[in-house]
N, C-alpha and C. Protein backbone atom coordinates (compact mmCIF):
# COMPACT_ATOMS: atom_id res chain seq x y z
N MET A 1 110.40 116.96 97.54
CA MET A 1 110.94 115.89 96.72
C MET A 1 109.81 114.91 96.42
N ILE A 2 109.66 114.56 95.14
CA ILE A 2 108.60 113.61 94.80
C ILE A 2 108.99 112.21 95.28
N ARG A 3 107.98 111.42 95.55
CA ARG A 3 108.18 110.10 96.12
C ARG A 3 109.11 109.22 95.29
N SER A 4 108.93 109.21 93.97
CA SER A 4 109.75 108.34 93.13
C SER A 4 111.22 108.77 93.14
N THR A 5 111.48 110.07 93.25
CA THR A 5 112.86 110.55 93.35
C THR A 5 113.48 110.09 94.66
N LYS A 6 112.71 110.11 95.74
CA LYS A 6 113.21 109.62 97.02
C LYS A 6 113.51 108.13 96.94
N TRP A 7 112.62 107.36 96.31
CA TRP A 7 112.86 105.92 96.16
C TRP A 7 114.15 105.68 95.38
N ALA A 8 114.34 106.45 94.30
CA ALA A 8 115.55 106.29 93.49
C ALA A 8 116.79 106.57 94.33
N ARG A 9 116.75 107.63 95.12
CA ARG A 9 117.88 107.96 95.99
C ARG A 9 118.14 106.85 97.00
N ASP A 10 117.06 106.30 97.59
CA ASP A 10 117.20 105.22 98.56
C ASP A 10 117.81 103.97 97.94
N ILE A 11 117.43 103.67 96.69
CA ILE A 11 118.01 102.52 95.99
C ILE A 11 119.51 102.74 95.80
N LYS A 12 119.87 103.96 95.40
CA LYS A 12 121.30 104.25 95.21
C LYS A 12 122.07 104.05 96.51
N TYR A 13 121.53 104.52 97.63
CA TYR A 13 122.20 104.34 98.92
C TYR A 13 122.36 102.86 99.27
N ARG A 14 121.34 102.07 99.00
CA ARG A 14 121.43 100.64 99.31
C ARG A 14 122.47 99.94 98.44
N LEU A 15 122.56 100.34 97.17
CA LEU A 15 123.57 99.75 96.30
C LEU A 15 124.97 100.17 96.74
N GLU A 16 125.12 101.41 97.17
CA GLU A 16 126.42 101.85 97.70
C GLU A 16 126.78 101.06 98.95
N ASP A 17 125.81 100.85 99.82
CA ASP A 17 126.04 100.05 101.04
C ASP A 17 126.45 98.63 100.70
N ALA A 18 126.01 98.14 99.54
CA ALA A 18 126.35 96.78 99.10
C ALA A 18 127.73 96.74 98.45
N GLY A 19 128.40 97.91 98.35
CA GLY A 19 129.76 97.95 97.85
C GLY A 19 129.93 98.42 96.42
N ILE A 20 128.88 98.89 95.80
CA ILE A 20 128.98 99.39 94.43
C ILE A 20 129.36 100.87 94.47
N ASP A 21 130.40 101.22 93.72
CA ASP A 21 130.87 102.60 93.68
C ASP A 21 129.77 103.52 93.17
N SER A 22 129.55 104.63 93.87
CA SER A 22 128.46 105.54 93.54
C SER A 22 128.56 106.11 92.13
N SER A 23 129.78 106.22 91.60
CA SER A 23 129.94 106.77 90.25
C SER A 23 129.40 105.82 89.18
N ARG A 24 129.18 104.56 89.54
CA ARG A 24 128.66 103.57 88.59
C ARG A 24 127.13 103.49 88.61
N ILE A 25 126.49 104.17 89.56
CA ILE A 25 125.04 104.04 89.75
C ILE A 25 124.32 105.24 89.17
N GLU A 26 123.34 104.96 88.33
CA GLU A 26 122.50 106.02 87.76
C GLU A 26 121.05 105.67 88.11
N THR A 27 120.34 106.59 88.74
CA THR A 27 118.95 106.35 89.12
C THR A 27 118.06 107.47 88.61
N ASN A 28 116.82 107.12 88.35
CA ASN A 28 115.81 108.10 87.96
C ASN A 28 114.49 107.73 88.59
N GLY A 29 113.79 108.73 89.07
CA GLY A 29 112.45 108.54 89.59
C GLY A 29 111.46 109.24 88.68
N TYR A 30 110.36 108.59 88.39
CA TYR A 30 109.35 109.15 87.49
C TYR A 30 108.00 109.18 88.17
N GLY A 31 107.17 110.08 87.74
CA GLY A 31 105.82 110.19 88.27
C GLY A 31 104.89 110.75 87.21
N GLU A 32 103.86 111.43 87.67
CA GLU A 32 102.86 111.97 86.74
C GLU A 32 103.44 112.98 85.77
N GLY A 33 104.58 113.58 86.10
CA GLY A 33 105.22 114.52 85.20
C GLY A 33 105.78 113.86 83.95
N ASP A 34 105.96 112.56 84.00
CA ASP A 34 106.46 111.78 82.86
C ASP A 34 105.60 110.52 82.78
N PRO A 35 104.35 110.67 82.32
CA PRO A 35 103.40 109.56 82.38
C PRO A 35 103.79 108.37 81.51
N ILE A 36 103.50 107.21 82.03
CA ILE A 36 103.76 105.96 81.31
C ILE A 36 102.67 105.76 80.25
N VAL A 37 103.02 105.06 79.18
CA VAL A 37 102.05 104.72 78.14
C VAL A 37 101.64 103.26 78.38
N VAL A 38 100.35 103.00 78.33
CA VAL A 38 99.84 101.65 78.58
C VAL A 38 100.25 100.72 77.44
N THR A 39 100.96 99.66 77.80
CA THR A 39 101.39 98.64 76.84
C THR A 39 100.39 97.49 76.84
N GLN A 40 100.56 96.58 75.91
CA GLN A 40 99.71 95.39 75.85
C GLN A 40 99.85 94.58 77.14
N GLU A 41 101.07 94.50 77.68
CA GLU A 41 101.31 93.75 78.92
C GLU A 41 100.56 94.37 80.10
N ILE A 42 100.60 95.70 80.19
CA ILE A 42 99.88 96.39 81.26
C ILE A 42 98.38 96.17 81.09
N HIS A 43 97.89 96.27 79.85
CA HIS A 43 96.47 96.07 79.58
C HIS A 43 96.01 94.66 79.96
N LYS A 44 96.86 93.67 79.72
CA LYS A 44 96.50 92.28 80.08
C LYS A 44 96.29 92.17 81.59
N GLN A 45 97.13 92.85 82.35
CA GLN A 45 97.02 92.80 83.81
C GLN A 45 95.90 93.70 84.33
N TYR A 46 95.67 94.82 83.65
CA TYR A 46 94.67 95.79 84.08
C TYR A 46 93.79 96.14 82.87
N PRO A 47 92.82 95.31 82.53
CA PRO A 47 92.03 95.49 81.31
C PRO A 47 91.27 96.82 81.23
N PHE A 48 91.06 97.50 82.33
CA PHE A 48 90.36 98.79 82.29
C PHE A 48 91.23 99.90 81.70
N LEU A 49 92.55 99.66 81.56
CA LEU A 49 93.45 100.63 80.95
C LEU A 49 93.57 100.32 79.46
N LYS A 50 93.46 101.34 78.63
CA LYS A 50 93.48 101.17 77.17
C LYS A 50 94.91 101.24 76.64
N VAL A 51 95.26 100.29 75.78
CA VAL A 51 96.59 100.26 75.16
C VAL A 51 96.81 101.57 74.40
N GLY A 52 98.00 102.15 74.60
CA GLY A 52 98.37 103.39 73.92
C GLY A 52 98.04 104.65 74.68
N GLU A 53 97.20 104.56 75.71
CA GLU A 53 96.85 105.75 76.50
C GLU A 53 98.02 106.14 77.39
N GLN A 54 98.25 107.44 77.51
CA GLN A 54 99.20 107.96 78.49
C GLN A 54 98.45 108.13 79.80
N LEU A 55 99.09 107.74 80.89
CA LEU A 55 98.44 107.86 82.19
C LEU A 55 98.64 109.27 82.74
N THR A 56 98.03 110.22 82.07
CA THR A 56 98.05 111.61 82.52
C THR A 56 97.06 111.77 83.67
N GLU A 57 97.17 112.88 84.38
CA GLU A 57 96.22 113.16 85.46
C GLU A 57 94.78 113.17 84.93
N THR A 58 94.58 113.78 83.76
CA THR A 58 93.24 113.85 83.17
C THR A 58 92.69 112.45 82.91
N TYR A 59 93.52 111.59 82.33
CA TYR A 59 93.07 110.22 82.05
C TYR A 59 92.80 109.46 83.35
N ILE A 60 93.71 109.58 84.30
CA ILE A 60 93.55 108.85 85.56
C ILE A 60 92.26 109.25 86.26
N TYR A 61 91.97 110.56 86.32
CA TYR A 61 90.76 111.00 87.01
C TYR A 61 89.48 110.74 86.23
N SER A 62 89.64 110.30 84.97
CA SER A 62 88.45 109.89 84.21
C SER A 62 88.07 108.44 84.49
N LEU A 63 88.95 107.70 85.18
CA LEU A 63 88.65 106.31 85.51
C LEU A 63 87.52 106.25 86.53
N LYS A 64 86.72 105.18 86.45
CA LYS A 64 85.45 105.17 87.18
C LYS A 64 85.52 104.96 88.69
N ASP A 65 86.54 104.30 89.18
CA ASP A 65 86.55 104.11 90.63
C ASP A 65 87.93 104.36 91.24
N LYS A 66 87.92 104.51 92.55
CA LYS A 66 89.12 104.87 93.30
C LYS A 66 90.23 103.84 93.14
N GLU A 67 89.91 102.56 93.16
CA GLU A 67 90.91 101.50 93.03
C GLU A 67 91.62 101.58 91.67
N GLU A 68 90.87 101.81 90.60
CA GLU A 68 91.47 101.93 89.27
C GLU A 68 92.39 103.15 89.22
N ARG A 69 91.96 104.26 89.81
CA ARG A 69 92.80 105.46 89.82
C ARG A 69 94.09 105.22 90.59
N GLU A 70 94.01 104.51 91.71
CA GLU A 70 95.21 104.24 92.51
C GLU A 70 96.17 103.33 91.74
N ILE A 71 95.66 102.34 91.03
CA ILE A 71 96.51 101.47 90.21
C ILE A 71 97.24 102.30 89.16
N ALA A 72 96.52 103.19 88.49
CA ALA A 72 97.13 104.03 87.46
C ALA A 72 98.21 104.94 88.06
N HIS A 73 97.93 105.53 89.22
CA HIS A 73 98.93 106.36 89.89
C HIS A 73 100.16 105.53 90.24
N ARG A 74 99.95 104.33 90.74
CA ARG A 74 101.05 103.45 91.14
C ARG A 74 101.92 103.09 89.93
N LEU A 75 101.30 102.85 88.77
CA LEU A 75 102.07 102.55 87.57
C LEU A 75 102.94 103.74 87.16
N ASN A 76 102.46 104.94 87.35
CA ASN A 76 103.23 106.14 87.02
C ASN A 76 104.40 106.37 87.97
N ARG A 77 104.24 105.99 89.22
CA ARG A 77 105.31 106.18 90.20
C ARG A 77 106.29 105.02 90.06
N ARG A 78 107.38 105.29 89.37
CA ARG A 78 108.33 104.22 89.10
C ARG A 78 109.75 104.72 89.24
N THR A 79 110.64 103.79 89.48
CA THR A 79 112.05 104.09 89.67
C THR A 79 112.85 103.17 88.76
N GLU A 80 113.83 103.72 88.11
CA GLU A 80 114.73 102.93 87.27
C GLU A 80 116.16 103.17 87.75
N PHE A 81 116.97 102.13 87.67
CA PHE A 81 118.37 102.31 87.99
C PHE A 81 119.24 101.51 87.04
N LYS A 82 120.46 102.00 86.84
CA LYS A 82 121.41 101.34 85.96
C LYS A 82 122.77 101.35 86.65
N ILE A 83 123.46 100.23 86.54
CA ILE A 83 124.83 100.16 87.06
C ILE A 83 125.76 100.10 85.85
N LYS A 84 126.66 101.06 85.75
CA LYS A 84 127.56 101.15 84.59
C LYS A 84 128.84 100.38 84.87
């Protein structure tokens, strides 16, 4: 199980524990398989990332240092949830 999918599942469990019916909760975990596109907001925070670039594995490993690559990986690992 990919890390973001596990995080999504854990969020759902916490919301259920808080009393929200599980049928109302929709969660998704994303990672490198669904790369994020760098927005202007992301670029402002991380100027080494180019606006419009997809954070694919190829792009991430083209970054010059380990810290930049880890930031890019972290941006790709994301969880979204919706309560209906």
